[in-house]
Amino acid sequence: MRPVKKKKPQQKIIYQPASRPPVMPQPKHYAAASFLISAQTLAQCPPDEGWEIAFAGRSNAGKSSALNCLTSSRLARTSKTPGRTQLINFFQIDEQRRLVDLPGYGYAKVPEAMRREWGRHLGDYVSQRQCLCGVVVMMDVRHPLTEFDHQLMEVAASRNLPVHILLTKSDKLKRGPAAQQLQTVRNELKLLNGQFTVQLFSSLKQEGMAEAWRVLDDWLELQVEVPDVSQDEIPADPSIADD
């Protein structure tokens, strides 16, 4: 008669939630930003004094989401329908410093006449606004440096304005392809005349915020300390394997 084998106790499986990226400490001056005014033309803008940073980008590049992420608020209106930002929206940090949300460009479903009008007002603002100290251009990391992006960058370069590019939606790519795309854009920028810098950015995972804040602080001449956290220091999601 064979001996009866004892059954091994079943192993208890414990499910743990996936690790999340650390929440970045929010600089108080950006968290305190508030809506000031909307303008359709240059004449309707606030007095041309102090410092302004413009946020621009293709209508589906995540411009409003990036601006909201950097201010930890819902300053800019987001919509599932690209092309809804039709006015120049000003947000005040203090009495002399403002963030400006420009109309999105390049969305095909907007009537041609309206697109031309938006383009004219956007061009007038970037080319004529004397207090403008820099332009942040949002580009989908999967589709950077479109024709419209180049046009805006050329206008900024003609005024010797610095341009900082946020390659948004970087969470849509794994780390390897995202880093490769970043290097590709850097190489292309070296061939252009102007003051251009570029970084990866994800509103969803809040990646790249510290680097972006440092650029904004420099342009606005704000002497504050931003946490020195690079994207390499943010733990990767263990459930996703790089290529």
C-alpha atoms as a PDB file:
ATOM      1  CA  MET A   1       0.000   0.000   0.000  1.00  0.00           C
ATOM      2  CA  ARG A   2       1.429   3.344  -1.096  1.00  0.00           C
ATOM      3  CA  PRO A   3       1.932   6.072   1.489  1.00  0.00           C
ATOM      4  CA  VAL A   4      -0.516   8.962   1.223  1.00  0.00           C
ATOM      5  CA  LYS A   5       1.201  12.174   0.115  1.00  0.00           C
ATOM      6  CA  LYS A   6       0.435  15.224   2.126  1.00  0.00           C
ATOM      7  CA  LYS A   7      -0.952  18.121   0.135  1.00  0.00           C
ATOM      8  CA  LYS A   8       1.190  21.215   0.094  1.00  0.00           C
ATOM      9  CA  PRO A   9      -0.545  24.295   1.431  1.00  0.00           C
ATOM     10  CA  GLN A  10      -1.594  26.636  -1.358  1.00  0.00           C
ATOM     11  CA  GLN A  11       0.615  29.662  -1.712  1.00  0.00           C
ATOM     12  CA  LYS A  12      -1.185  32.854  -0.918  1.00  0.00           C
ATOM     13  CA  ILE A  13      -0.838  35.370  -3.726  1.00  0.00           C
ATOM     14  CA  ILE A  14      -0.771  39.007  -2.713  1.00  0.00           C
ATOM     15  CA  TYR A  15      -1.550  41.557  -5.394  1.00  0.00           C
ATOM     16  CA  GLN A  16       0.081  44.940  -5.005  1.00  0.00           C
ATOM     17  CA  PRO A  17      -0.721  48.058  -7.015  1.00  0.00           C
ATOM     18  CA  ALA A  18       1.830  49.157  -9.603  1.00  0.00           C
ATOM     19  CA  SER A  19       4.331  51.689  -8.359  1.00  0.00           C
ATOM     20  CA  ARG A  20       3.559  55.299  -9.146  1.00  0.00           C
ATOM     21  CA  PRO A  21       6.045  58.044  -9.967  1.00  0.00           C
ATOM     22  CA  PRO A  22       6.776  60.374  -7.051  1.00  0.00           C
ATOM     23  CA  VAL A  23       4.641  63.495  -6.823  1.00  0.00           C
ATOM     24  CA  MET A  24       6.768  66.528  -7.618  1.00  0.00           C
ATOM     25  CA  PRO A  25       6.786  69.360  -5.063  1.00  0.00           C
ATOM     26  CA  GLN A  26       4.930  72.280  -6.641  1.00  0.00           C
ATOM     27  CA  PRO A  27       6.640  75.714  -6.729  1.00  0.00           C
ATOM     28  CA  LYS A  28       4.282  78.059  -4.908  1.00  0.00           C
ATOM     29  CA  HIS A  29       4.400  80.809  -7.524  1.00  0.00           C
ATOM     30  CA  TYR A  30       3.011  78.553 -10.276  1.00  0.00           C
ATOM     31  CA  ALA A  31       0.408  77.030  -7.962  1.00  0.00           C
ATOM     32  CA  ALA A  32      -0.780  80.573  -7.214  1.00  0.00           C
ATOM     33  CA  ALA A  33      -1.316  81.446 -10.893  1.00  0.00           C
ATOM     34  CA  SER A  34      -4.815  82.721 -11.660  1.00  0.00           C
ATOM     35  CA  PHE A  35      -6.794  83.665 -14.748  1.00  0.00           C
ATOM     36  CA  LEU A  36      -6.351  87.312 -15.738  1.00  0.00           C
ATOM     37  CA  ILE A  37      -8.016  88.004 -19.102  1.00  0.00           C
ATOM     38  CA  SER A  38      -8.748  86.611 -22.562  1.00  0.00           C
ATOM     39  CA  ALA A  39      -7.897  88.562 -25.695  1.00  0.00           C
ATOM     40  CA  GLN A  40      -8.811  88.042 -29.324  1.00  0.00           C
ATOM     41  CA  THR A  41      -6.400  90.625 -30.722  1.00  0.00           C
ATOM     42  CA  LEU A  42      -3.115  92.185 -29.685  1.00  0.00           C
ATOM     43  CA  ALA A  43      -4.909  95.420 -28.792  1.00  0.00           C
ATOM     44  CA  GLN A  44      -6.983  93.593 -26.168  1.00  0.00           C
ATOM     45  CA  CYS A  45      -3.940  92.176 -24.352  1.00  0.00           C
ATOM     46  CA  PRO A  46      -2.838  93.490 -20.933  1.00  0.00           C
ATOM     47  CA  PRO A  47      -0.262  96.316 -20.813  1.00  0.00           C
ATOM     48  CA  ASP A  48       2.950  95.254 -22.550  1.00  0.00           C
ATOM     49  CA  GLU A  49       5.207  95.221 -19.495  1.00  0.00           C
ATOM     50  CA  GLY A  50       6.876  92.744 -17.164  1.00  0.00           C
ATOM     51  CA  TRP A  51       7.552  89.149 -18.268  1.00  0.00           C
ATOM     52  CA  GLU A  52       5.398  86.755 -20.264  1.00  0.00           C
ATOM     53  CA  ILE A  53       5.951  83.162 -21.351  1.00  0.00           C
ATOM     54  CA  ALA A  54       3.790  81.878 -24.189  1.00  0.00           C
ATOM     55  CA  PHE A  55       2.620  78.278 -24.465  1.00  0.00           C
ATOM     56  CA  ALA A  56       1.939  77.214 -28.027  1.00  0.00           C
ATOM     57  CA  GLY A  57       1.480  74.033 -29.970  1.00  0.00           C
ATOM     58  CA  ARG A  58      -0.548  72.001 -32.365  1.00  0.00           C
ATOM     59  CA  SER A  59      -4.148  71.573 -31.253  1.00  0.00           C
ATOM     60  CA  ASN A  60      -3.780  67.904 -30.310  1.00  0.00           C
ATOM     61  CA  ALA A  61      -0.315  68.133 -28.729  1.00  0.00           C
ATOM     62  CA  GLY A  62      -1.524  68.312 -25.119  1.00  0.00           C
ATOM     63  CA  LYS A  63      -0.819  72.021 -24.670  1.00  0.00           C
ATOM     64  CA  SER A  64      -3.540  72.773 -22.131  1.00  0.00           C
ATOM     65  CA  SER A  65      -2.821  69.575 -20.193  1.00  0.00           C
ATOM     66  CA  ALA A  66       0.865  70.503 -19.923  1.00  0.00           C
ATOM     67  CA  LEU A  67       0.055  74.011 -18.696  1.00  0.00           C
ATOM     68  CA  ASN A  68      -2.376  72.639 -16.118  1.00  0.00           C
ATOM     69  CA  CYS A  69       0.198  70.079 -14.993  1.00  0.00           C
ATOM     70  CA  LEU A  70       2.903  72.703 -14.478  1.00  0.00           C
ATOM     71  CA  THR A  71       0.560  74.848 -12.384  1.00  0.00           C
ATOM     72  CA  SER A  72      -1.156  71.930 -10.594  1.00  0.00           C
ATOM     73  CA  SER A  73      -4.510  73.439 -11.494  1.00  0.00           C
ATOM     74  CA  ARG A  74      -7.083  73.644 -14.231  1.00  0.00           C
ATOM     75  CA  LEU A  75      -6.107  77.035 -15.559  1.00  0.00           C
ATOM     76  CA  ALA A  76      -6.288  76.093 -19.217  1.00  0.00           C
ATOM     77  CA  ARG A  77      -9.434  74.581 -20.625  1.00  0.00           C
ATOM     78  CA  THR A  78      -8.951  71.045 -21.904  1.00  0.00           C
ATOM     79  CA  SER A  79     -11.254  69.427 -24.429  1.00  0.00           C
ATOM     80  CA  LYS A  80     -11.547  66.126 -26.238  1.00  0.00           C
ATOM     81  CA  THR A  81     -12.105  68.193 -29.377  1.00  0.00           C
ATOM     82  CA  PRO A  82      -8.816  69.798 -30.533  1.00  0.00           C
ATOM     83  CA  GLY A  83      -8.895  73.422 -31.606  1.00  0.00           C
ATOM     84  CA  ARG A  84     -11.181  74.738 -28.853  1.00  0.00           C
ATOM     85  CA  THR A  85      -8.700  77.335 -27.551  1.00  0.00           C
ATOM     86  CA  GLN A  86      -9.679  80.305 -29.711  1.00  0.00           C
ATOM     87  CA  LEU A  87      -8.457  83.215 -27.603  1.00  0.00           C
ATOM     88  CA  ILE A  88      -5.158  84.352 -26.121  1.00  0.00           C
ATOM     89  CA  ASN A  89      -5.576  83.517 -22.426  1.00  0.00           C
ATOM     90  CA  PHE A  90      -3.459  85.246 -19.780  1.00  0.00           C
ATOM     91  CA  PHE A  91      -2.727  83.764 -16.346  1.00  0.00           C
ATOM     92  CA  GLN A  92      -1.069  85.942 -13.715  1.00  0.00           C
ATOM     93  CA  ILE A  93       1.697  84.691 -11.437  1.00  0.00           C
ATOM     94  CA  ASP A  94       2.290  88.095  -9.860  1.00  0.00           C
ATOM     95  CA  GLU A  95       1.786  91.699 -10.918  1.00  0.00           C
ATOM     96  CA  GLN A  96       4.649  91.549 -13.428  1.00  0.00           C
ATOM     97  CA  ARG A  97       4.721  87.900 -14.567  1.00  0.00           C
ATOM     98  CA  ARG A  98       2.232  85.993 -16.705  1.00  0.00           C
ATOM     99  CA  LEU A  99       1.794  82.667 -18.490  1.00  0.00           C
ATOM    100  CA  VAL A 100      -0.017  82.887 -21.818  1.00  0.00           C
ATOM    101  CA  ASP A 101      -2.014  80.107 -23.480  1.00  0.00           C
ATOM    102  CA  LEU A 102      -2.040  80.737 -27.239  1.00  0.00           C
ATOM    103  CA  PRO A 103      -4.639  79.291 -29.657  1.00  0.00           C
ATOM    104  CA  GLY A 104      -3.781  75.824 -30.904  1.00  0.00           C
ATOM    105  CA  TYR A 105      -2.802  75.633 -34.547  1.00  0.00           C
ATOM    106  CA  GLY A 106      -2.986  73.183 -37.416  1.00  0.00           C
ATOM    107  CA  TYR A 107      -6.271  71.432 -36.656  1.00  0.00           C
ATOM    108  CA  ALA A 108      -7.874  70.445 -39.962  1.00  0.00           C
ATOM    109  CA  LYS A 109     -11.537  70.509 -38.804  1.00  0.00           C
ATOM    110  CA  VAL A 110     -11.403  74.215 -37.995  1.00  0.00           C
ATOM    111  CA  PRO A 111     -12.673  76.323 -40.942  1.00  0.00           C
ATOM    112  CA  GLU A 112      -9.876  77.715 -43.099  1.00  0.00           C
ATOM    113  CA  ALA A 113     -10.893  81.337 -42.509  1.00  0.00           C
ATOM    114  CA  MET A 114     -10.802  80.810 -38.742  1.00  0.00           C
ATOM    115  CA  ARG A 115      -7.417  79.093 -38.940  1.00  0.00           C
ATOM    116  CA  ARG A 116      -5.996  82.053 -40.866  1.00  0.00           C
ATOM    117  CA  GLU A 117      -7.395  84.489 -38.309  1.00  0.00           C
ATOM    118  CA  TRP A 118      -5.954  82.510 -35.388  1.00  0.00           C
ATOM    119  CA  GLY A 119      -2.621  82.293 -37.169  1.00  0.00           C
ATOM    120  CA  ARG A 120      -2.525  86.034 -37.739  1.00  0.00           C
ATOM    121  CA  HIS A 121      -3.281  86.882 -34.110  1.00  0.00           C
ATOM    122  CA  LEU A 122      -0.792  84.268 -32.873  1.00  0.00           C
ATOM    123  CA  GLY A 123       1.883  85.630 -35.211  1.00  0.00           C
ATOM    124  CA  ASP A 124       1.163  89.213 -34.153  1.00  0.00           C
ATOM    125  CA  TYR A 125       1.534  88.283 -30.500  1.00  0.00           C
ATOM    126  CA  VAL A 126       4.837  86.416 -30.889  1.00  0.00           C
ATOM    127  CA  SER A 127       6.358  88.961 -33.267  1.00  0.00           C
ATOM    128  CA  GLN A 128       5.240  92.163 -31.527  1.00  0.00           C
ATOM    129  CA  ARG A 129       4.757  91.509 -27.811  1.00  0.00           C
ATOM    130  CA  GLN A 130       7.764  93.205 -26.187  1.00  0.00           C
ATOM    131  CA  CYS A 131       7.397  91.632 -22.732  1.00  0.00           C
ATOM    132  CA  LEU A 132       7.496  88.116 -24.206  1.00  0.00           C
ATOM    133  CA  CYS A 133      10.640  86.481 -22.807  1.00  0.00           C
ATOM    134  CA  GLY A 134      10.294  82.939 -24.150  1.00  0.00           C
ATOM    135  CA  VAL A 135       8.051  80.474 -25.968  1.00  0.00           C
ATOM    136  CA  VAL A 136       7.261  76.929 -24.833  1.00  0.00           C
ATOM    137  CA  VAL A 137       6.219  74.803 -27.806  1.00  0.00           C
ATOM    138  CA  MET A 138       4.363  71.553 -27.166  1.00  0.00           C
ATOM    139  CA  MET A 139       4.898  68.756 -29.690  1.00  0.00           C
ATOM    140  CA  ASP A 140       3.551  65.215 -29.569  1.00  0.00           C
ATOM    141  CA  VAL A 141       6.681  63.085 -29.103  1.00  0.00           C
ATOM    142  CA  ARG A 142       5.429  60.808 -31.889  1.00  0.00           C
ATOM    143  CA  HIS A 143       4.958  63.670 -34.379  1.00  0.00           C
ATOM    144  CA  PRO A 144       7.466  66.471 -33.640  1.00  0.00           C
ATOM    145  CA  LEU A 145       8.607  69.435 -35.740  1.00  0.00           C
ATOM    146  CA  THR A 146       5.622  69.842 -38.041  1.00  0.00           C
ATOM    147  CA  GLU A 147       5.427  72.614 -40.621  1.00  0.00           C
ATOM    148  CA  PHE A 148       3.415  74.767 -38.206  1.00  0.00           C
ATOM    149  CA  ASP A 149       5.982  74.181 -35.452  1.00  0.00           C
ATOM    150  CA  HIS A 150       8.766  75.361 -37.752  1.00  0.00           C
ATOM    151  CA  GLN A 151       6.826  78.507 -38.689  1.00  0.00           C
ATOM    152  CA  LEU A 152       6.312  79.473 -35.057  1.00  0.00           C
ATOM    153  CA  MET A 153       9.935  78.747 -34.185  1.00  0.00           C
ATOM    154  CA  GLU A 154      11.126  80.912 -37.080  1.00  0.00           C
ATOM    155  CA  VAL A 155       9.067  83.866 -35.827  1.00  0.00           C
ATOM    156  CA  ALA A 156      10.506  83.449 -32.326  1.00  0.00           C
ATOM    157  CA  ALA A 157      14.043  83.094 -33.690  1.00  0.00           C
ATOM    158  CA  SER A 158      13.639  86.299 -35.723  1.00  0.00           C
ATOM    159  CA  ARG A 159      13.214  88.123 -32.399  1.00  0.00           C
ATOM    160  CA  ASN A 160      16.021  86.187 -30.730  1.00  0.00           C
ATOM    161  CA  LEU A 161      13.531  84.648 -28.294  1.00  0.00           C
ATOM    162  CA  PRO A 162      14.438  81.343 -26.623  1.00  0.00           C
ATOM    163  CA  VAL A 163      12.207  78.386 -27.451  1.00  0.00           C
ATOM    164  CA  HIS A 164      11.842  75.383 -25.152  1.00  0.00           C
ATOM    165  CA  ILE A 165      10.193  72.322 -26.677  1.00  0.00           C
ATOM    166  CA  LEU A 166       8.179  69.885 -24.597  1.00  0.00           C
ATOM    167  CA  LEU A 167       7.887  66.521 -26.327  1.00  0.00           C
ATOM    168  CA  THR A 168       4.539  65.720 -24.755  1.00  0.00           C
ATOM    169  CA  LYS A 169       2.817  62.374 -24.228  1.00  0.00           C
ATOM    170  CA  SER A 170       6.178  60.683 -23.665  1.00  0.00           C
ATOM    171  CA  ASP A 171       4.293  58.022 -21.706  1.00  0.00           C
ATOM    172  CA  LYS A 172       2.964  56.783 -25.064  1.00  0.00           C
ATOM    173  CA  LEU A 173       6.455  55.456 -25.855  1.00  0.00           C
ATOM    174  CA  LYS A 174       8.732  53.136 -23.929  1.00  0.00           C
ATOM    175  CA  ARG A 175      11.905  54.647 -22.528  1.00  0.00           C
ATOM    176  CA  GLY A 176      14.149  53.463 -25.353  1.00  0.00           C
ATOM    177  CA  PRO A 177      12.096  54.862 -28.266  1.00  0.00           C
ATOM    178  CA  ALA A 178      11.356  58.063 -26.312  1.00  0.00           C
ATOM    179  CA  ALA A 179      15.072  58.705 -25.700  1.00  0.00           C
ATOM    180  CA  GLN A 180      15.799  58.008 -29.356  1.00  0.00           C
ATOM    181  CA  GLN A 181      13.120  60.479 -30.457  1.00  0.00           C
ATOM    182  CA  LEU A 182      14.544  63.102 -28.096  1.00  0.00           C
ATOM    183  CA  GLN A 183      18.004  62.704 -29.631  1.00  0.00           C
ATOM    184  CA  THR A 184      16.563  62.896 -33.151  1.00  0.00           C
ATOM    185  CA  VAL A 185      14.889  66.218 -32.378  1.00  0.00           C
ATOM    186  CA  ARG A 186      18.072  67.548 -30.755  1.00  0.00           C
ATOM    187  CA  ASN A 187      20.026  66.704 -33.891  1.00  0.00           C
ATOM    188  CA  GLU A 188      17.493  68.503 -36.091  1.00  0.00           C
ATOM    189  CA  LEU A 189      17.533  71.592 -33.873  1.00  0.00           C
ATOM    190  CA  LYS A 190      21.298  71.879 -34.309  1.00  0.00           C
ATOM    191  CA  LEU A 191      20.674  72.594 -37.988  1.00  0.00           C
ATOM    192  CA  LEU A 192      18.380  75.554 -37.235  1.00  0.00           C
ATOM    193  CA  ASN A 193      19.230  79.127 -36.305  1.00  0.00           C
ATOM    194  CA  GLY A 194      17.869  80.022 -32.898  1.00  0.00           C
ATOM    195  CA  GLN A 195      17.931  79.352 -29.156  1.00  0.00           C
ATOM    196  CA  PHE A 196      16.253  75.953 -28.920  1.00  0.00           C
ATOM    197  CA  THR A 197      16.157  73.432 -26.087  1.00  0.00           C
ATOM    198  CA  VAL A 198      14.077  70.271 -25.822  1.00  0.00           C
ATOM    199  CA  GLN A 199      12.983  67.706 -23.240  1.00  0.00           C
ATOM    200  CA  LEU A 200      10.566  64.814 -22.753  1.00  0.00           C
ATOM    201  CA  PHE A 201       7.348  65.571 -20.891  1.00  0.00           C
ATOM    202  CA  SER A 202       4.336  63.607 -19.671  1.00  0.00           C
ATOM    203  CA  SER A 203       1.341  65.288 -18.061  1.00  0.00           C
ATOM    204  CA  LEU A 204      -0.146  61.893 -17.231  1.00  0.00           C
ATOM    205  CA  LYS A 205       2.893  60.650 -15.282  1.00  0.00           C
ATOM    206  CA  GLN A 206       4.146  64.117 -14.280  1.00  0.00           C
ATOM    207  CA  GLU A 207       7.550  63.471 -15.818  1.00  0.00           C
ATOM    208  CA  GLY A 208       9.830  66.316 -16.874  1.00  0.00           C
ATOM    209  CA  MET A 209       8.208  68.905 -14.620  1.00  0.00           C
ATOM    210  CA  ALA A 210      11.332  69.907 -12.657  1.00  0.00           C
ATOM    211  CA  GLU A 211      13.291  70.510 -15.861  1.00  0.00           C
ATOM    212  CA  ALA A 212      10.471  72.622 -17.300  1.00  0.00           C
ATOM    213  CA  TRP A 213      10.126  74.658 -14.090  1.00  0.00           C
ATOM    214  CA  ARG A 214      13.839  75.494 -14.164  1.00  0.00           C
ATOM    215  CA  VAL A 215      13.469  76.900 -17.686  1.00  0.00           C
ATOM    216  CA  LEU A 216      10.425  78.978 -16.730  1.00  0.00           C
ATOM    217  CA  ASP A 217      12.126  80.306 -13.584  1.00  0.00           C
ATOM    218  CA  ASP A 218      15.153  81.367 -15.603  1.00  0.00           C
ATOM    219  CA  TRP A 219      13.092  83.197 -18.208  1.00  0.00           C
ATOM    220  CA  LEU A 220      10.917  84.901 -15.595  1.00  0.00           C
ATOM    221  CA  GLU A 221      14.011  85.798 -13.546  1.00  0.00           C
ATOM    222  CA  LEU A 222      12.689  83.993 -10.495  1.00  0.00           C
ATOM    223  CA  GLN A 223      15.393  82.999  -8.025  1.00  0.00           C
ATOM    224  CA  VAL A 224      13.882  79.874  -6.503  1.00  0.00           C
ATOM    225  CA  GLU A 225      15.028  76.325  -5.976  1.00  0.00           C
ATOM    226  CA  VAL A 226      13.340  73.557  -7.939  1.00  0.00           C
ATOM    227  CA  PRO A 227      13.876  69.943  -6.817  1.00  0.00           C
ATOM    228  CA  ASP A 228      16.709  68.404  -8.824  1.00  0.00           C
ATOM    229  CA  VAL A 229      14.931  65.278 -10.035  1.00  0.00           C
ATOM    230  CA  SER A 230      15.777  63.941 -13.472  1.00  0.00           C
ATOM    231  CA  GLN A 231      13.709  61.457 -15.429  1.00  0.00           C
ATOM    232  CA  ASP A 232      16.407  58.837 -14.877  1.00  0.00           C
ATOM    233  CA  GLU A 233      15.717  59.021 -11.130  1.00  0.00           C
ATOM    234  CA  ILE A 234      12.016  58.275 -11.520  1.00  0.00           C
ATOM    235  CA  PRO A 235      11.437  54.531 -11.098  1.00  0.00           C
ATOM    236  CA  ALA A 236      10.224  52.746 -14.191  1.00  0.00           C
ATOM    237  CA  ASP A 237       6.984  50.784 -14.170  1.00  0.00           C
ATOM    238  CA  PRO A 238       8.149  47.187 -13.581  1.00  0.00           C
ATOM    239  CA  SER A 239       5.234  45.873 -15.638  1.00  0.00           C
ATOM    240  CA  ILE A 240       6.607  47.534 -18.784  1.00  0.00           C
ATOM    241  CA  ALA A 241       9.785  46.250 -20.397  1.00  0.00           C
ATOM    242  CA  ASP A 242      11.893  48.497 -22.590  1.00  0.00           C
ATOM    243  CA  ASP A 243      12.805  47.450 -26.087  1.00  0.00           C
END
